């Protein structure tokens, strides 16, 4: 039986004011492989080794089982996970596992004689598992995506950022689970805060798509989630200031945190990544002194989403 595999990129969602809507794909990958088997077996290496489940409770296996059930198939698989994306840090590690599982299940289903699932169905199944689409869409399609829900179905629009775009991410040594980060948010927000985010989200999307990084600093400001989550991320303001001082064009919390992301623009992606390397290097010593963070990591923008192996 064939062994299938995918590289699924890290993602940064929200991007300041784009709460549950905006996302970009970044050049840091988890690798997932699977083949049909008589019973479930899961192997984990890298990030999460030792505490992520290595049986059918693993997120990849659970996503595969859900996809098999969607197709009406009673199948099992052996799964290999090689994780490079920090867990519980707002870089989409859980969505890579869920999306990777759905993609692997699609290939195994086709091998078993079932009709191949289209990308929209893959997107919908992974989103249902993830609960929101803003990490799933950029991981699957790449680039900069805007997501929304229409008639209870997830929708997305993908855009090519103009000129070059890269990022510097500063993961924390600790973790914040998304479900816990959600509990920090109020049930209602003031009308003026909602209006603030509408304006800033529009500015951010326009600035990314049209290539106006001079607006990133203002556009990444948020009043819907960062102010509430900052109570659990004591060094957020420090990291924000360090990245701006090091040359980032704008800074925000990545996903639900605690990773902080700095956006860096350039004439093209290569130039933007070169600048990101400089920003990460400049901020490294000061970040290290805080003793709460991993090394700043420069990451290129991924424009093509999840990649299939063994083609």
C-alpha atoms as a PDB file:
ATOM      1  CA  UNK A   1       0.000   0.000   0.000  1.00  0.00           C
ATOM      2  CA  UNK A   2       1.196   3.495  -0.836  1.00  0.00           C
ATOM      3  CA  UNK A   3       2.601   5.874   1.731  1.00  0.00           C
ATOM      4  CA  UNK A   4       1.307   9.427   1.355  1.00  0.00           C
ATOM      5  CA  UNK A   5       2.757  12.605   2.794  1.00  0.00           C
ATOM      6  CA  UNK A   6       2.302  16.358   3.132  1.00  0.00           C
ATOM      7  CA  UNK A   7       4.230  19.358   4.335  1.00  0.00           C
ATOM      8  CA  UNK A   8       1.747  21.739   5.965  1.00  0.00           C
ATOM      9  CA  UNK A   9       2.916  25.298   6.736  1.00  0.00           C
ATOM     10  CA  UNK A  10       2.664  27.260   9.933  1.00  0.00           C
ATOM     11  CA  UNK A  11       0.140  30.064   9.934  1.00  0.00           C
ATOM     12  CA  UNK A  12      -0.391  33.300  11.788  1.00  0.00           C
ATOM     13  CA  UNK A  13      -4.052  34.183  12.221  1.00  0.00           C
ATOM     14  CA  UNK A  14      -5.933  37.281  13.351  1.00  0.00           C
ATOM     15  CA  UNK A  15      -3.010  39.551  12.395  1.00  0.00           C
ATOM     16  CA  UNK A  16      -4.080  42.229  14.836  1.00  0.00           C
ATOM     17  CA  UNK A  17      -7.608  43.418  13.953  1.00  0.00           C
ATOM     18  CA  UNK A  18      -8.525  40.504  11.653  1.00  0.00           C
ATOM     19  CA  UNK A  19      -9.989  38.434  14.486  1.00  0.00           C
ATOM     20  CA  UNK A  20     -10.989  34.933  13.308  1.00  0.00           C
ATOM     21  CA  UNK A  21     -10.713  36.189   9.717  1.00  0.00           C
ATOM     22  CA  UNK A  22      -7.175  36.992   8.513  1.00  0.00           C
ATOM     23  CA  UNK A  23      -4.280  34.586   8.113  1.00  0.00           C
ATOM     24  CA  UNK A  24      -0.931  34.153   6.353  1.00  0.00           C
ATOM     25  CA  UNK A  25       1.133  31.029   5.659  1.00  0.00           C
ATOM     26  CA  UNK A  26       4.755  30.912   6.825  1.00  0.00           C
ATOM     27  CA  UNK A  27       7.815  28.890   5.838  1.00  0.00           C
ATOM     28  CA  UNK A  28       7.907  26.493   8.792  1.00  0.00           C
ATOM     29  CA  UNK A  29       6.410  23.058   8.202  1.00  0.00           C
ATOM     30  CA  UNK A  30       5.050  20.023   9.960  1.00  0.00           C
ATOM     31  CA  UNK A  31       5.422  16.836   7.940  1.00  0.00           C
ATOM     32  CA  UNK A  32       2.726  14.164   8.069  1.00  0.00           C
ATOM     33  CA  UNK A  33       2.792  10.772   6.385  1.00  0.00           C
ATOM     34  CA  UNK A  34       0.375   7.850   6.456  1.00  0.00           C
ATOM     35  CA  UNK A  35      -0.465   4.553   4.853  1.00  0.00           C
ATOM     36  CA  UNK A  36      -3.434   2.271   5.163  1.00  0.00           C
ATOM     37  CA  UNK A  37      -3.112  -0.283   7.997  1.00  0.00           C
ATOM     38  CA  UNK A  38      -5.103  -2.897   9.903  1.00  0.00           C
ATOM     39  CA  UNK A  39      -5.166  -0.773  13.086  1.00  0.00           C
ATOM     40  CA  UNK A  40      -4.255   2.746  14.187  1.00  0.00           C
ATOM     41  CA  UNK A  41      -0.597   3.462  14.936  1.00  0.00           C
ATOM     42  CA  UNK A  42       0.893   6.956  15.344  1.00  0.00           C
ATOM     43  CA  UNK A  43       4.534   8.068  15.661  1.00  0.00           C
ATOM     44  CA  UNK A  44       5.519  11.604  16.758  1.00  0.00           C
ATOM     45  CA  UNK A  45       8.932  13.252  16.433  1.00  0.00           C
ATOM     46  CA  UNK A  46      10.056  16.824  17.099  1.00  0.00           C
ATOM     47  CA  UNK A  47       7.785  19.374  18.770  1.00  0.00           C
ATOM     48  CA  UNK A  48       5.298  17.686  21.081  1.00  0.00           C
ATOM     49  CA  UNK A  49       7.239  14.430  21.356  1.00  0.00           C
ATOM     50  CA  UNK A  50       6.487  12.923  24.748  1.00  0.00           C
ATOM     51  CA  UNK A  51       3.114  14.547  25.344  1.00  0.00           C
ATOM     52  CA  UNK A  52       1.177  14.483  22.081  1.00  0.00           C
ATOM     53  CA  UNK A  53      -0.883  11.316  21.768  1.00  0.00           C
ATOM     54  CA  UNK A  54       0.690   8.508  19.763  1.00  0.00           C
ATOM     55  CA  UNK A  55      -2.506   6.576  19.140  1.00  0.00           C
ATOM     56  CA  UNK A  56      -5.909   7.195  17.564  1.00  0.00           C
ATOM     57  CA  UNK A  57      -6.430  10.169  19.914  1.00  0.00           C
ATOM     58  CA  UNK A  58      -3.741  12.105  18.020  1.00  0.00           C
ATOM     59  CA  UNK A  59      -5.188  15.089  16.140  1.00  0.00           C
ATOM     60  CA  UNK A  60      -3.944  13.778  12.778  1.00  0.00           C
ATOM     61  CA  UNK A  61      -5.553  10.389  13.357  1.00  0.00           C
ATOM     62  CA  UNK A  62      -8.770  11.977  14.599  1.00  0.00           C
ATOM     63  CA  UNK A  63      -8.953  14.145  11.474  1.00  0.00           C
ATOM     64  CA  UNK A  64      -8.381  11.089   9.305  1.00  0.00           C
ATOM     65  CA  UNK A  65     -11.108   9.145  11.109  1.00  0.00           C
ATOM     66  CA  UNK A  66     -13.554  12.035  10.672  1.00  0.00           C
ATOM     67  CA  UNK A  67     -12.765  12.166   6.947  1.00  0.00           C
ATOM     68  CA  UNK A  68     -13.163   8.399   6.574  1.00  0.00           C
ATOM     69  CA  UNK A  69     -16.528   8.623   8.340  1.00  0.00           C
ATOM     70  CA  UNK A  70     -17.551  11.492   6.040  1.00  0.00           C
ATOM     71  CA  UNK A  71     -16.980   9.142   3.101  1.00  0.00           C
ATOM     72  CA  UNK A  72     -18.656   6.208   4.830  1.00  0.00           C
ATOM     73  CA  UNK A  73     -15.398   4.233   5.024  1.00  0.00           C
ATOM     74  CA  UNK A  74     -14.223   1.999   7.860  1.00  0.00           C
ATOM     75  CA  UNK A  75     -10.445   2.370   7.472  1.00  0.00           C
ATOM     76  CA  UNK A  76      -7.360   2.637   9.690  1.00  0.00           C
ATOM     77  CA  UNK A  77      -3.856   3.973   9.062  1.00  0.00           C
ATOM     78  CA  UNK A  78      -0.334   4.158  10.383  1.00  0.00           C
ATOM     79  CA  UNK A  79       0.714   7.794  10.790  1.00  0.00           C
ATOM     80  CA  UNK A  80       4.091   9.523  11.087  1.00  0.00           C
ATOM     81  CA  UNK A  81       4.313  13.121  12.408  1.00  0.00           C
ATOM     82  CA  UNK A  82       7.496  15.197  12.210  1.00  0.00           C
ATOM     83  CA  UNK A  83       6.690  18.480  13.940  1.00  0.00           C
ATOM     84  CA  UNK A  84       8.749  21.656  13.669  1.00  0.00           C
ATOM     85  CA  UNK A  85       6.032  24.163  14.616  1.00  0.00           C
ATOM     86  CA  UNK A  86       5.874  24.950  18.368  1.00  0.00           C
ATOM     87  CA  UNK A  87       2.667  23.699  19.971  1.00  0.00           C
ATOM     88  CA  UNK A  88       0.313  25.979  21.887  1.00  0.00           C
ATOM     89  CA  UNK A  89       1.981  29.121  20.542  1.00  0.00           C
ATOM     90  CA  UNK A  90      -0.430  30.644  18.040  1.00  0.00           C
ATOM     91  CA  UNK A  91       1.364  29.392  14.918  1.00  0.00           C
ATOM     92  CA  UNK A  92      -1.320  26.990  13.746  1.00  0.00           C
ATOM     93  CA  UNK A  93       0.209  23.707  14.926  1.00  0.00           C
ATOM     94  CA  UNK A  94      -3.219  22.177  15.617  1.00  0.00           C
ATOM     95  CA  UNK A  95      -4.587  23.242  12.246  1.00  0.00           C
ATOM     96  CA  UNK A  96      -1.608  21.671  10.457  1.00  0.00           C
ATOM     97  CA  UNK A  97      -2.414  18.371  12.191  1.00  0.00           C
ATOM     98  CA  UNK A  98      -6.092  18.534  11.325  1.00  0.00           C
ATOM     99  CA  UNK A  99      -5.556  19.666   7.760  1.00  0.00           C
ATOM    100  CA  UNK A 100      -2.743  17.162   7.297  1.00  0.00           C
ATOM    101  CA  UNK A 101      -5.022  14.392   8.527  1.00  0.00           C
ATOM    102  CA  UNK A 102      -7.819  15.336   6.127  1.00  0.00           C
ATOM    103  CA  UNK A 103      -5.401  15.506   3.180  1.00  0.00           C
ATOM    104  CA  UNK A 104      -3.881  12.108   4.028  1.00  0.00           C
ATOM    105  CA  UNK A 105      -7.325  10.570   4.439  1.00  0.00           C
ATOM    106  CA  UNK A 106      -8.371  11.919   1.036  1.00  0.00           C
ATOM    107  CA  UNK A 107      -5.476  10.087  -0.636  1.00  0.00           C
ATOM    108  CA  UNK A 108      -6.115   6.830   1.229  1.00  0.00           C
ATOM    109  CA  UNK A 109      -9.812   7.006   0.391  1.00  0.00           C
ATOM    110  CA  UNK A 110      -9.006   7.444  -3.289  1.00  0.00           C
ATOM    111  CA  UNK A 111      -6.614   4.486  -3.118  1.00  0.00           C
ATOM    112  CA  UNK A 112      -9.435   2.438  -1.577  1.00  0.00           C
ATOM    113  CA  UNK A 113     -11.746   3.286  -4.488  1.00  0.00           C
ATOM    114  CA  UNK A 114     -13.742   6.175  -3.033  1.00  0.00           C
ATOM    115  CA  UNK A 115     -14.448   9.376  -4.939  1.00  0.00           C
ATOM    116  CA  UNK A 116     -11.727  11.979  -4.413  1.00  0.00           C
ATOM    117  CA  UNK A 117     -12.737  14.852  -2.133  1.00  0.00           C
ATOM    118  CA  UNK A 118     -12.324  18.336  -3.623  1.00  0.00           C
ATOM    119  CA  UNK A 119     -10.376  21.104  -1.892  1.00  0.00           C
ATOM    120  CA  UNK A 120     -13.523  22.870  -0.679  1.00  0.00           C
ATOM    121  CA  UNK A 121     -14.651  19.718   1.119  1.00  0.00           C
ATOM    122  CA  UNK A 122     -11.171  19.338   2.622  1.00  0.00           C
ATOM    123  CA  UNK A 123     -11.394  22.957   3.785  1.00  0.00           C
ATOM    124  CA  UNK A 124     -14.850  22.429   5.297  1.00  0.00           C
ATOM    125  CA  UNK A 125     -13.932  19.239   7.180  1.00  0.00           C
ATOM    126  CA  UNK A 126     -10.706  20.726   8.563  1.00  0.00           C
ATOM    127  CA  UNK A 127     -12.520  23.915   9.578  1.00  0.00           C
ATOM    128  CA  UNK A 128     -15.202  21.958  11.407  1.00  0.00           C
ATOM    129  CA  UNK A 129     -12.475  20.171  13.354  1.00  0.00           C
ATOM    130  CA  UNK A 130     -10.603  23.425  14.027  1.00  0.00           C
ATOM    131  CA  UNK A 131     -13.781  25.432  14.874  1.00  0.00           C
ATOM    132  CA  UNK A 132     -12.674  28.429  12.810  1.00  0.00           C
ATOM    133  CA  UNK A 133     -11.178  28.794   9.309  1.00  0.00           C
ATOM    134  CA  UNK A 134      -8.519  31.492   9.670  1.00  0.00           C
ATOM    135  CA  UNK A 135      -5.625  29.043  10.201  1.00  0.00           C
ATOM    136  CA  UNK A 136      -6.929  26.366   7.846  1.00  0.00           C
ATOM    137  CA  UNK A 137      -7.293  28.541   4.726  1.00  0.00           C
ATOM    138  CA  UNK A 138      -3.713  29.870   4.533  1.00  0.00           C
ATOM    139  CA  UNK A 139      -2.297  26.435   5.426  1.00  0.00           C
ATOM    140  CA  UNK A 140      -4.231  24.871   2.546  1.00  0.00           C
ATOM    141  CA  UNK A 141      -4.081  27.625  -0.056  1.00  0.00           C
ATOM    142  CA  UNK A 142      -1.059  29.752   0.946  1.00  0.00           C
ATOM    143  CA  UNK A 143      -0.608  33.505   0.810  1.00  0.00           C
ATOM    144  CA  UNK A 144      -2.868  35.958   2.640  1.00  0.00           C
ATOM    145  CA  UNK A 145      -6.446  34.796   3.186  1.00  0.00           C
ATOM    146  CA  UNK A 146      -9.625  36.385   4.498  1.00  0.00           C
ATOM    147  CA  UNK A 147     -12.279  34.025   5.883  1.00  0.00           C
ATOM    148  CA  UNK A 148     -15.921  34.264   6.887  1.00  0.00           C
ATOM    149  CA  UNK A 149     -18.909  32.016   7.530  1.00  0.00           C
ATOM    150  CA  UNK A 150     -21.876  32.083   5.126  1.00  0.00           C
ATOM    151  CA  UNK A 151     -24.959  29.920   5.740  1.00  0.00           C
ATOM    152  CA  UNK A 152     -22.929  27.966   8.315  1.00  0.00           C
ATOM    153  CA  UNK A 153     -20.317  27.136   5.658  1.00  0.00           C
ATOM    154  CA  UNK A 154     -16.721  28.451   5.818  1.00  0.00           C
ATOM    155  CA  UNK A 155     -15.659  30.667   2.930  1.00  0.00           C
ATOM    156  CA  UNK A 156     -12.327  32.209   2.020  1.00  0.00           C
ATOM    157  CA  UNK A 157     -10.705  34.634  -0.387  1.00  0.00           C
ATOM    158  CA  UNK A 158      -7.013  34.301  -1.165  1.00  0.00           C
ATOM    159  CA  UNK A 159      -4.841  37.263  -2.136  1.00  0.00           C
ATOM    160  CA  UNK A 160      -1.273  37.618  -3.354  1.00  0.00           C
ATOM    161  CA  UNK A 161       0.462  40.232  -1.193  1.00  0.00           C
ATOM    162  CA  UNK A 162       1.988  42.891  -3.405  1.00  0.00           C
ATOM    163  CA  UNK A 163       5.756  43.194  -3.474  1.00  0.00           C
ATOM    164  CA  UNK A 164       7.514  41.112  -0.817  1.00  0.00           C
ATOM    165  CA  UNK A 165       6.371  40.022   2.636  1.00  0.00           C
ATOM    166  CA  UNK A 166       8.052  38.028   5.406  1.00  0.00           C
ATOM    167  CA  UNK A 167       7.776  37.726   9.166  1.00  0.00           C
ATOM    168  CA  UNK A 168       9.777  37.446  12.354  1.00  0.00           C
ATOM    169  CA  UNK A 169       8.083  35.264  14.954  1.00  0.00           C
ATOM    170  CA  UNK A 170       9.083  35.139  18.608  1.00  0.00           C
ATOM    171  CA  UNK A 171       7.557  32.036  20.224  1.00  0.00           C
ATOM    172  CA  UNK A 172       7.349  31.749  24.005  1.00  0.00           C
ATOM    173  CA  UNK A 173       8.900  29.028  26.116  1.00  0.00           C
ATOM    174  CA  UNK A 174       5.448  28.301  27.536  1.00  0.00           C
ATOM    175  CA  UNK A 175       2.128  27.549  25.859  1.00  0.00           C
ATOM    176  CA  UNK A 176      -1.404  28.915  25.770  1.00  0.00           C
ATOM    177  CA  UNK A 177      -4.068  26.552  24.475  1.00  0.00           C
ATOM    178  CA  UNK A 178      -6.586  28.159  22.114  1.00  0.00           C
ATOM    179  CA  UNK A 179      -9.523  26.993  24.239  1.00  0.00           C
ATOM    180  CA  UNK A 180      -7.997  28.764  27.262  1.00  0.00           C
ATOM    181  CA  UNK A 181      -7.250  31.918  25.254  1.00  0.00           C
ATOM    182  CA  UNK A 182     -10.895  31.997  24.135  1.00  0.00           C
ATOM    183  CA  UNK A 183     -12.023  32.058  27.756  1.00  0.00           C
ATOM    184  CA  UNK A 184     -10.169  35.358  28.244  1.00  0.00           C
ATOM    185  CA  UNK A 185     -12.450  37.153  25.789  1.00  0.00           C
ATOM    186  CA  UNK A 186     -15.631  38.974  26.863  1.00  0.00           C
ATOM    187  CA  UNK A 187     -19.012  37.958  25.500  1.00  0.00           C
ATOM    188  CA  UNK A 188     -19.678  41.528  24.339  1.00  0.00           C
ATOM    189  CA  UNK A 189     -17.483  44.433  23.251  1.00  0.00           C
ATOM    190  CA  UNK A 190     -18.198  48.169  23.052  1.00  0.00           C
ATOM    191  CA  UNK A 191     -19.519  49.439  19.735  1.00  0.00           C
ATOM    192  CA  UNK A 192     -16.584  51.840  19.408  1.00  0.00           C
ATOM    193  CA  UNK A 193     -14.111  48.945  19.734  1.00  0.00           C
ATOM    194  CA  UNK A 194     -15.891  47.034  16.988  1.00  0.00           C
ATOM    195  CA  UNK A 195     -15.811  50.120  14.765  1.00  0.00           C
ATOM    196  CA  UNK A 196     -12.102  50.559  15.556  1.00  0.00           C
ATOM    197  CA  UNK A 197     -11.380  47.030  14.351  1.00  0.00           C
ATOM    198  CA  UNK A 198     -13.446  47.378  11.195  1.00  0.00           C
ATOM    199  CA  UNK A 199     -11.381  50.404  10.184  1.00  0.00           C
ATOM    200  CA  UNK A 200      -8.047  48.847  11.066  1.00  0.00           C
ATOM    201  CA  UNK A 201      -8.858  45.488   9.459  1.00  0.00           C
ATOM    202  CA  UNK A 202      -9.768  47.260   6.224  1.00  0.00           C
ATOM    203  CA  UNK A 203      -6.545  49.247   6.366  1.00  0.00           C
ATOM    204  CA  UNK A 204      -4.460  46.139   7.014  1.00  0.00           C
ATOM    205  CA  UNK A 205      -5.988  44.093   4.182  1.00  0.00           C
ATOM    206  CA  UNK A 206      -5.604  46.974   1.741  1.00  0.00           C
ATOM    207  CA  UNK A 207      -2.025  47.598   2.851  1.00  0.00           C
ATOM    208  CA  UNK A 208      -0.991  43.945   2.430  1.00  0.00           C
ATOM    209  CA  UNK A 209      -2.706  43.504  -0.937  1.00  0.00           C
ATOM    210  CA  UNK A 210      -1.642  46.860  -2.404  1.00  0.00           C
ATOM    211  CA  UNK A 211       1.840  46.817  -0.901  1.00  0.00           C
ATOM    212  CA  UNK A 212       1.786  49.758   1.519  1.00  0.00           C
ATOM    213  CA  UNK A 213       3.814  48.587   4.552  1.00  0.00           C
ATOM    214  CA  UNK A 214       4.042  52.140   5.856  1.00  0.00           C
ATOM    215  CA  UNK A 215       0.549  51.527   7.260  1.00  0.00           C
ATOM    216  CA  UNK A 216       1.338  48.203   8.985  1.00  0.00           C
ATOM    217  CA  UNK A 217       2.204  49.794  12.320  1.00  0.00           C
ATOM    218  CA  UNK A 218      -1.178  51.482  12.658  1.00  0.00           C
ATOM    219  CA  UNK A 219      -3.166  48.802  10.828  1.00  0.00           C
ATOM    220  CA  UNK A 220      -2.131  45.949  13.158  1.00  0.00           C
ATOM    221  CA  UNK A 221      -3.687  47.614  16.216  1.00  0.00           C
ATOM    222  CA  UNK A 222      -6.549  45.668  17.774  1.00  0.00           C
ATOM    223  CA  UNK A 223      -9.194  46.080  20.472  1.00  0.00           C
ATOM    224  CA  UNK A 224     -11.095  42.787  20.242  1.00  0.00           C
ATOM    225  CA  UNK A 225      -8.631  40.220  21.585  1.00  0.00           C
ATOM    226  CA  UNK A 226      -5.091  41.449  22.292  1.00  0.00           C
ATOM    227  CA  UNK A 227      -6.029  43.719  25.221  1.00  0.00           C
ATOM    228  CA  UNK A 228      -7.760  40.815  26.972  1.00  0.00           C
ATOM    229  CA  UNK A 229      -5.095  38.210  26.243  1.00  0.00           C
ATOM    230  CA  UNK A 230      -2.231  40.492  27.227  1.00  0.00           C
ATOM    231  CA  UNK A 231      -2.961  39.784  30.898  1.00  0.00           C
ATOM    232  CA  UNK A 232      -1.666  36.242  30.362  1.00  0.00           C
ATOM    233  CA  UNK A 233       1.322  37.384  28.264  1.00  0.00           C
ATOM    234  CA  UNK A 234       3.329  39.590  30.597  1.00  0.00           C
ATOM    235  CA  UNK A 235       6.144  40.306  28.128  1.00  0.00           C
ATOM    236  CA  UNK A 236       3.876  41.211  25.181  1.00  0.00           C
ATOM    237  CA  UNK A 237       4.645  44.930  25.279  1.00  0.00           C
ATOM    238  CA  UNK A 238       8.367  44.250  25.679  1.00  0.00           C
ATOM    239  CA  UNK A 239       8.526  41.971  22.640  1.00  0.00           C
ATOM    240  CA  UNK A 240       6.389  44.393  20.643  1.00  0.00           C
ATOM    241  CA  UNK A 241       8.796  47.241  21.381  1.00  0.00           C
ATOM    242  CA  UNK A 242      11.878  45.120  20.681  1.00  0.00           C
ATOM    243  CA  UNK A 243      10.639  44.061  17.248  1.00  0.00           C
ATOM    244  CA  UNK A 244       9.703  47.604  16.255  1.00  0.00           C
ATOM    245  CA  UNK A 245      13.095  48.850  17.437  1.00  0.00           C
ATOM    246  CA  UNK A 246      14.770  46.071  15.441  1.00  0.00           C
ATOM    247  CA  UNK A 247      13.041  47.232  12.261  1.00  0.00           C
ATOM    248  CA  UNK A 248       9.745  45.336  11.885  1.00  0.00           C
ATOM    249  CA  UNK A 249       7.112  47.298   9.967  1.00  0.00           C
ATOM    250  CA  UNK A 250       4.316  46.269  12.328  1.00  0.00           C
ATOM    251  CA  UNK A 251       3.767  43.877  15.226  1.00  0.00           C
ATOM    252  CA  UNK A 252       0.856  41.833  16.567  1.00  0.00           C
ATOM    253  CA  UNK A 253       0.002  38.775  18.623  1.00  0.00           C
ATOM    254  CA  UNK A 254       0.123  35.663  16.444  1.00  0.00           C
ATOM    255  CA  UNK A 255      -3.155  33.793  16.652  1.00  0.00           C
ATOM    256  CA  UNK A 256      -4.168  33.513  20.292  1.00  0.00           C
ATOM    257  CA  UNK A 257      -0.531  33.826  21.368  1.00  0.00           C
ATOM    258  CA  UNK A 258       1.820  33.802  23.077  1.00  0.00           C
ATOM    259  CA  UNK A 259       3.956  34.080  19.904  1.00  0.00           C
ATOM    260  CA  UNK A 260       4.439  37.648  18.720  1.00  0.00           C
ATOM    261  CA  UNK A 261       4.813  38.300  14.992  1.00  0.00           C
ATOM    262  CA  UNK A 262       6.488  41.188  13.231  1.00  0.00           C
ATOM    263  CA  UNK A 263       5.619  41.788   9.578  1.00  0.00           C
ATOM    264  CA  UNK A 264       8.512  42.801   7.326  1.00  0.00           C
ATOM    265  CA  UNK A 265       8.089  44.101   3.776  1.00  0.00           C
ATOM    266  CA  UNK A 266      10.515  44.239   0.858  1.00  0.00           C
ATOM    267  CA  UNK A 267      10.761  44.790  -2.886  1.00  0.00           C
ATOM    268  CA  UNK A 268      10.101  41.051  -3.338  1.00  0.00           C
ATOM    269  CA  UNK A 269       9.865  38.014  -1.049  1.00  0.00           C
ATOM    270  CA  UNK A 270      13.626  37.458  -1.138  1.00  0.00           C
ATOM    271  CA  UNK A 271      14.292  41.049  -0.103  1.00  0.00           C
ATOM    272  CA  UNK A 272      11.622  40.863   2.617  1.00  0.00           C
ATOM    273  CA  UNK A 273      13.160  37.664   4.012  1.00  0.00           C
ATOM    274  CA  UNK A 274      16.614  39.283   4.005  1.00  0.00           C
ATOM    275  CA  UNK A 275      15.197  42.131   6.076  1.00  0.00           C
ATOM    276  CA  UNK A 276      13.471  39.637   8.396  1.00  0.00           C
ATOM    277  CA  UNK A 277      16.816  37.928   9.025  1.00  0.00           C
ATOM    278  CA  UNK A 278      18.276  41.319   9.985  1.00  0.00           C
ATOM    279  CA  UNK A 279      15.347  42.105  12.299  1.00  0.00           C
ATOM    280  CA  UNK A 280      15.605  38.705  14.017  1.00  0.00           C
ATOM    281  CA  UNK A 281      19.360  39.090  14.484  1.00  0.00           C
ATOM    282  CA  UNK A 282      18.995  42.612  15.850  1.00  0.00           C
ATOM    283  CA  UNK A 283      16.336  41.577  18.375  1.00  0.00           C
ATOM    284  CA  UNK A 284      17.980  38.306  19.437  1.00  0.00           C
ATOM    285  CA  UNK A 285      20.152  39.466  22.342  1.00  0.00           C
ATOM    286  CA  UNK A 286      17.420  41.550  23.973  1.00  0.00           C
ATOM    287  CA  UNK A 287      14.858  38.757  23.591  1.00  0.00           C
ATOM    288  CA  UNK A 288      17.263  36.263  25.149  1.00  0.00           C
ATOM    289  CA  UNK A 289      17.691  38.458  28.235  1.00  0.00           C
ATOM    290  CA  UNK A 290      13.955  38.221  28.976  1.00  0.00           C
ATOM    291  CA  UNK A 291      14.283  34.422  29.464  1.00  0.00           C
ATOM    292  CA  UNK A 292      10.622  33.966  28.468  1.00  0.00           C
ATOM    293  CA  UNK A 293      11.074  33.461  24.739  1.00  0.00           C
ATOM    294  CA  UNK A 294      12.638  31.268  22.130  1.00  0.00           C
ATOM    295  CA  UNK A 295      15.034  32.703  19.574  1.00  0.00           C
ATOM    296  CA  UNK A 296      13.391  35.131  17.086  1.00  0.00           C
ATOM    297  CA  UNK A 297      12.804  33.243  13.856  1.00  0.00           C
ATOM    298  CA  UNK A 298      12.699  34.862  10.390  1.00  0.00           C
ATOM    299  CA  UNK A 299      10.165  33.183   8.116  1.00  0.00           C
ATOM    300  CA  UNK A 300       9.375  33.714   4.459  1.00  0.00           C
ATOM    301  CA  UNK A 301       5.804  34.024   3.228  1.00  0.00           C
ATOM    302  CA  UNK A 302       4.462  30.767   1.755  1.00  0.00           C
ATOM    303  CA  UNK A 303       2.424  31.489  -1.338  1.00  0.00           C
ATOM    304  CA  UNK A 304       1.461  27.920  -2.304  1.00  0.00           C
ATOM    305  CA  UNK A 305       0.078  26.250   0.847  1.00  0.00           C
ATOM    306  CA  UNK A 306       0.349  22.559   1.762  1.00  0.00           C
ATOM    307  CA  UNK A 307       2.709  20.504  -0.405  1.00  0.00           C
ATOM    308  CA  UNK A 308       2.284  16.863  -1.313  1.00  0.00           C
ATOM    309  CA  UNK A 309       5.230  14.496  -0.944  1.00  0.00           C
ATOM    310  CA  UNK A 310       5.978  11.363  -2.980  1.00  0.00           C
ATOM    311  CA  UNK A 311       4.357  12.690  -6.146  1.00  0.00           C
END
